[in-house]
C-alpha atoms as a PDB file:
ATOM      1  CA  MET A   1    -145.571 -53.210 155.957  1.00  0.00           C
ATOM      2  CA  ASN A   2    -145.234 -53.145 152.185  1.00  0.00           C
ATOM      3  CA  PHE A   3    -141.652 -53.931 151.104  1.00  0.00           C
ATOM      4  CA  GLU A   4    -141.536 -51.062 148.645  1.00  0.00           C
ATOM      5  CA  GLU A   5    -142.495 -48.590 151.404  1.00  0.00           C
ATOM      6  CA  MET A   6    -139.709 -49.754 153.736  1.00  0.00           C
ATOM      7  CA  ASN A   7    -136.526 -47.778 154.226  1.00  0.00           C
ATOM      8  CA  LEU A   8    -133.262 -49.446 153.210  1.00  0.00           C
ATOM      9  CA  LYS A   9    -132.488 -50.704 156.726  1.00  0.00           C
ATOM     10  CA  GLU A  10    -135.919 -52.367 156.984  1.00  0.00           C
ATOM     11  CA  LYS A  11    -135.497 -53.908 153.523  1.00  0.00           C
ATOM     12  CA  ILE A  12    -132.116 -55.371 154.472  1.00  0.00           C
ATOM     13  CA  GLU A  13    -133.606 -56.896 157.626  1.00  0.00           C
ATOM     14  CA  ALA A  14    -136.547 -58.365 155.672  1.00  0.00           C
ATOM     15  CA  ILE A  15    -134.228 -59.785 152.996  1.00  0.00           C
ATOM     16  CA  GLU A  16    -131.894 -61.341 155.567  1.00  0.00           C
ATOM     17  CA  LYS A  17    -134.864 -62.902 157.387  1.00  0.00           C
ATOM     18  CA  VAL A  18    -136.114 -64.596 154.191  1.00  0.00           C
ATOM     19  CA  ILE A  19    -132.615 -65.757 153.311  1.00  0.00           C
ATOM     20  CA  ALA A  20    -132.087 -67.272 156.768  1.00  0.00           C
ATOM     21  CA  LYS A  21    -135.512 -68.939 156.910  1.00  0.00           C
ATOM     22  CA  ASP A  22    -136.153 -70.056 153.335  1.00  0.00           C
ATOM     23  CA  ILE A  23    -132.991 -69.905 151.233  1.00  0.00           C
ATOM     24  CA  LEU A  24    -130.095 -71.061 153.402  1.00  0.00           C
ATOM     25  CA  PRO A  25    -131.789 -74.352 154.359  1.00  0.00           C
ATOM     26  CA  MET A  26    -132.428 -75.058 150.655  1.00  0.00           C
ATOM     27  CA  LEU A  27    -128.775 -74.400 149.798  1.00  0.00           C
ATOM     28  CA  ALA A  28    -127.459 -76.295 152.836  1.00  0.00           C
ATOM     29  CA  PHE A  29    -129.346 -79.393 151.685  1.00  0.00           C
ATOM     30  CA  ASP A  30    -126.815 -79.622 148.839  1.00  0.00           C
ATOM     31  CA  GLY A  31    -123.827 -78.487 150.904  1.00  0.00           C
ATOM     32  CA  GLY A  32    -123.968 -74.855 149.816  1.00  0.00           C
ATOM     33  CA  MET A  33    -124.514 -71.465 151.319  1.00  0.00           C
ATOM     34  CA  ALA A  34    -124.818 -67.812 150.374  1.00  0.00           C
ATOM     35  CA  GLU A  35    -124.254 -64.555 152.190  1.00  0.00           C
ATOM     36  CA  VAL A  36    -125.545 -61.078 151.490  1.00  0.00           C
ATOM     37  CA  LEU A  37    -122.664 -58.732 150.779  1.00  0.00           C
ATOM     38  CA  ASP A  38    -124.618 -55.601 149.924  1.00  0.00           C
ATOM     39  CA  VAL A  39    -128.114 -54.271 149.280  1.00  0.00           C
ATOM     40  CA  ARG A  40    -128.594 -51.159 147.152  1.00  0.00           C
ATOM     41  CA  GLU A  41    -131.476 -49.200 145.710  1.00  0.00           C
ATOM     42  CA  SER A  42    -131.233 -48.514 141.979  1.00  0.00           C
ATOM     43  CA  ASN A  43    -133.875 -47.128 139.603  1.00  0.00           C
ATOM     44  CA  GLY A  44    -136.773 -48.206 141.817  1.00  0.00           C
ATOM     45  CA  GLU A  45    -135.389 -51.722 142.358  1.00  0.00           C
ATOM     46  CA  THR A  46    -133.642 -53.317 145.290  1.00  0.00           C
ATOM     47  CA  HIS A  47    -130.420 -55.018 144.232  1.00  0.00           C
ATOM     48  CA  VAL A  48    -129.116 -57.800 146.462  1.00  0.00           C
ATOM     49  CA  PHE A  49    -125.481 -58.812 146.017  1.00  0.00           C
ATOM     50  CA  ILE A  50    -124.605 -62.286 147.289  1.00  0.00           C
ATOM     51  CA  ARG A  51    -121.542 -64.489 147.501  1.00  0.00           C
ATOM     52  CA  TYR A  52    -121.882 -68.231 147.255  1.00  0.00           C
ATOM     53  CA  GLY A  53    -119.956 -70.602 149.481  1.00  0.00           C
ATOM     54  CA  GLY A  54    -119.614 -74.324 150.034  1.00  0.00           C
ATOM     55  CA  ALA A  55    -120.790 -76.455 147.137  1.00  0.00           C
ATOM     56  CA  CYS A  56    -122.544 -73.440 145.563  1.00  0.00           C
ATOM     57  CA  ALA A  57    -119.215 -71.698 144.939  1.00  0.00           C
ATOM     58  CA  SER A  58    -118.262 -74.204 142.246  1.00  0.00           C
ATOM     59  CA  CYS A  59    -121.709 -75.296 141.055  1.00  0.00           C
ATOM     60  CA  SER A  60    -122.670 -74.552 137.468  1.00  0.00           C
ATOM     61  CA  SER A  61    -126.290 -73.961 138.553  1.00  0.00           C
ATOM     62  CA  ALA A  62    -125.307 -71.113 140.902  1.00  0.00           C
ATOM     63  CA  GLY A  63    -125.494 -68.503 138.150  1.00  0.00           C
ATOM     64  CA  GLY A  64    -128.718 -69.840 136.635  1.00  0.00           C
ATOM     65  CA  ALA A  65    -131.301 -72.032 138.323  1.00  0.00           C
ATOM     66  CA  THR A  66    -130.100 -71.402 141.875  1.00  0.00           C
ATOM     67  CA  LEU A  67    -129.900 -67.656 141.357  1.00  0.00           C
ATOM     68  CA  PHE A  68    -133.397 -67.674 139.842  1.00  0.00           C
ATOM     69  CA  ALA A  69    -134.720 -69.675 142.819  1.00  0.00           C
ATOM     70  CA  ILE A  70    -133.191 -67.213 145.295  1.00  0.00           C
ATOM     71  CA  GLU A  71    -134.621 -64.217 143.454  1.00  0.00           C
ATOM     72  CA  GLU A  72    -138.074 -65.795 143.120  1.00  0.00           C
ATOM     73  CA  THR A  73    -138.114 -66.812 146.806  1.00  0.00           C
ATOM     74  CA  LEU A  74    -137.320 -63.235 147.838  1.00  0.00           C
ATOM     75  CA  ARG A  75    -139.937 -61.805 145.472  1.00  0.00           C
ATOM     76  CA  ARG A  76    -142.631 -64.226 146.632  1.00  0.00           C
ATOM     77  CA  ASN A  77    -141.955 -63.842 150.349  1.00  0.00           C
ATOM     78  CA  LEU A  78    -141.582 -60.067 150.230  1.00  0.00           C
ATOM     79  CA  ASN A  79    -144.467 -59.620 147.786  1.00  0.00           C
ATOM     80  CA  THR A  80    -142.570 -57.523 145.251  1.00  0.00           C
ATOM     81  CA  ASP A  81    -141.179 -57.934 141.765  1.00  0.00           C
ATOM     82  CA  LYS A  82    -138.654 -55.149 142.299  1.00  0.00           C
ATOM     83  CA  ILE A  83    -135.826 -57.301 143.657  1.00  0.00           C
ATOM     84  CA  ARG A  84    -132.831 -58.401 141.602  1.00  0.00           C
ATOM     85  CA  VAL A  85    -130.119 -60.733 142.899  1.00  0.00           C
ATOM     86  CA  PHE A  86    -126.547 -60.582 141.641  1.00  0.00           C
ATOM     87  CA  PRO A  87    -123.765 -63.034 142.484  1.00  0.00           C
ATOM     88  CA  ILE A  88    -120.352 -61.560 143.202  1.00  0.00           C
END
């Protein structure tokens, strides 16, 4: 099913699946982690709010390169450019 046609519950499940399979192992390699705190729809986009933990919590890359990698991984795996990731 196309990500943009999913209801919010289906989108959350798809996002969490990608995070568990593709993002958490990447972060764990450097001693970090991230958890999804909230997912909201806003102006035709899906906004994913995450909290970093472990080494990511104090890493200077968490707000830049790491955040970009998380967002791009979600976009690529869910085949949409309408996802934005925000650290909290």
